Amino acid sequence: MRHAFLMNDLRYSVRSLLKTPGFTTVAVLTLALGIGATTAVFSLFDAVLLKSLPVKGPHELFIVNAGHYPLFQALQKETGIFSSLLASGGIEYLDVTIDNAAREKAHVSMVSASYFSALGVSAVMGRAFDAGDDRPAGEPAIAVVSYAYWQRRLAQDAN
C-alpha cells in the first residue's frame, strides 16, 4: 500500500517538474553547484589539513612558534624534553650568484642544521646539513637546493 502512495507521489513530482522547465533547470543547477563547491572545499581541506606530512612520525611533530633563534638554542641544550628539535625561519627571496654567473632571486628558507634529520628526510644526492653547519648570522651560509632548482639552474650537475 505504501509503495503505491510513493509511486503516485513520484509521478506527481515528475509531472510538476516537467511543467516548469525553468524552475527545474535552476533547481538542478543550484544543486550541482552546491555539491560541486562542497566537494571542492572538502578536497582542499583534506589535502591541507587532514593528510599527514610525508615525514617520519608526523603524529609526533609539535610546533612551537618561538620566534627567535636564541630560544631554539636554549631548548636544544635541554635534553629529554624533545626527541629532536628544528628551527625554521621566514621564507625570503635572496640574491644568489653561482660560479660568477648573473645574480638571480632565489626562494630561501632559513633552517637549523637539524631540520632534515628531525623530519627524517634525506637528500637525494649529496648531503643534508650536519651539526657543524649551524652558523651565526653574517657568516657564509650552506645551502641545500630543491630538485627543481637543481634541474633548472644547475643543469643537473652532480658537483
Foldseek 3Di string as FASTA:
>chain_A
DVVVVVVVVVVVVVVVCVVCVPVVVVVVVVVVVVVVVVVVVVVVCCVPPVDFDPFPPSVLDDDDPPPDDVVQVVVQPDPPPHPDDKDKADWDWDWDDDPNDDTDTDTDIDMALCVQVVRHHFDPADGGGDNVQDDDPPDDHDDDDDPVCCVPPVVVDRD
